[in-house]
Protein backbone atom coordinates (compact mmCIF):
# COMPACT_ATOMS: atom_id res chain seq x y z
CA MET A 1 17.14 -2.71 25.54
CA HIS A 2 13.58 -2.84 24.32
CA GLU A 3 12.95 -6.25 24.40
CA LYS A 4 9.08 -6.21 24.94
CA TYR A 5 8.77 -4.63 21.48
CA ASP A 6 10.86 -7.37 19.54
CA SER A 7 7.54 -9.17 18.38
CA LEU A 8 3.62 -9.17 18.23
CA LYS A 9 3.77 -12.31 20.33
CA LYS A 10 6.00 -10.64 23.07
CA PHE A 11 3.53 -7.34 22.93
CA VAL A 12 0.67 -9.30 23.69
CA GLU A 13 2.36 -11.22 26.60
CA ASP A 14 3.23 -7.91 28.12
CA MET A 15 -0.27 -6.64 27.57
CA ASN A 16 -1.65 -9.91 29.63
CA PHE A 17 1.06 -9.09 32.35
CA TRP A 18 -0.30 -5.58 32.77
CA TYR A 19 -3.97 -6.70 32.58
CA GLU A 20 -3.52 -9.54 34.97
CA LEU A 21 -1.61 -6.98 37.52
CA LYS A 22 -4.39 -4.44 37.01
CA TYR A 23 -7.36 -6.67 37.51
CA GLY A 24 -5.96 -9.69 39.16
CA GLY A 25 -6.91 -13.36 38.63
CA ASP A 26 -5.93 -16.23 36.71
CA ASP A 27 -8.68 -16.57 34.29
CA LYS A 28 -6.88 -16.73 31.05
CA SER A 29 -10.21 -16.27 29.17
CA ASP A 30 -9.68 -12.36 29.90
CA HIS A 31 -6.39 -12.54 28.09
CA PHE A 32 -5.58 -11.15 24.70
CA GLU A 33 -4.88 -14.01 22.38
CA TYR A 34 -1.99 -14.73 20.48
CA PRO A 35 -1.76 -15.45 17.50
CA VAL A 36 -4.33 -12.57 16.98
CA ILE A 37 -7.49 -13.66 15.25
CA PHE A 38 -10.01 -11.19 16.39
CA GLN A 39 -10.43 -7.58 15.37
CA THR A 40 -11.31 -6.80 18.88
CA THR A 41 -7.99 -8.06 20.31
CA ALA A 42 -6.09 -6.26 17.09
CA THR A 43 -8.09 -3.08 18.05
CA ALA A 44 -6.75 -3.16 21.79
CA ILE A 45 -3.30 -3.76 20.42
CA PHE A 46 -3.24 -1.00 18.05
CA HIS A 47 -4.63 1.42 20.83
CA GLU A 48 -1.82 0.30 23.15
CA LEU A 49 0.61 0.73 20.48
CA ASP A 50 -0.66 4.35 19.76
CA CYS A 51 -0.38 4.90 23.52
CA ALA A 52 3.45 3.64 23.40
CA ILE A 53 4.49 6.16 20.74
CA SER A 54 3.35 9.04 22.78
CA PRO A 55 6.43 11.41 23.35
CA GLU A 56 6.42 10.78 27.14
CA THR A 57 5.99 7.19 26.83
CA LEU A 58 8.38 6.67 23.67
CA ASN A 59 11.36 8.59 25.22
CA GLU A 60 10.65 7.43 28.92
CA ASP A 61 10.65 10.79 30.32
CA GLY A 62 13.92 11.47 28.80
CA GLU A 63 15.34 8.54 30.32
CA ILE A 64 16.55 6.94 27.04
CA SER A 65 18.65 8.36 24.33
CA ALA A 66 17.21 9.42 20.85
CA GLU A 67 18.74 6.76 19.18
CA GLU A 68 17.11 4.19 21.78
CA ALA A 69 13.72 5.94 21.22
CA ASP A 70 14.06 5.75 17.34
CA LEU A 71 14.65 1.89 17.53
CA LYS A 72 11.80 1.72 20.09
CA PHE A 73 9.34 3.69 17.68
CA LYS A 74 10.51 1.38 14.69
CA ARG A 75 9.91 -1.67 16.77
CA ILE A 76 6.47 -0.62 17.82
CA LEU A 77 5.55 0.40 14.05
CA ALA A 78 6.75 -2.80 12.87
CA ILE A 79 4.30 -4.73 15.36
CA ALA A 80 1.44 -2.54 13.83
CA ILE A 81 2.45 -3.16 10.59
CA GLN A 82 2.44 -7.06 11.22
CA LEU A 83 -1.20 -6.46 12.44
CA GLN A 84 -2.01 -4.54 9.30
CA ARG A 85 -0.77 -7.00 6.90
CA LYS A 86 -2.71 -9.60 8.55
CA GLY A 87 -5.86 -7.68 7.31
CA PHE A 88 -6.76 -5.92 10.76
CA THR A 89 -8.06 -2.44 10.48
CA TYR A 90 -6.87 0.58 12.80
CA ASP A 91 -8.34 4.06 13.47
CA LYS A 92 -6.64 6.08 10.77
CA GLU A 93 -7.15 9.41 12.96
CA THR A 94 -4.87 8.14 15.81
CA GLU A 95 -1.19 9.17 15.46
CA LEU A 96 -0.23 5.54 14.79
CA GLY A 97 -2.68 5.80 11.97
CA HIS A 98 -0.96 8.77 10.49
CA TYR A 99 2.17 6.46 10.32
CA LEU A 100 0.60 3.56 8.71
CA SER A 101 -1.62 5.49 6.17
């Protein structure tokens, strides 16, 4: 279903895939690291997670059922909670921040 949201590792791999498509190149030094060890990477992930819970993205423009969107939301939130438990901070003023507070 929404396999890319199964784990933090898969989410980071997905971010790297899209980054590579957008910017090209094989330079792995520009990629986001996993395991996440820097706040800058965690901040980028929190930002992507926040974008992923926007209504249009979450519901895939109405292409998925409410149950699928709910499961997708829970998986996204679980990834954010993983980062939070590792001690990484997030912007509390974002949509995601409202759910993590």
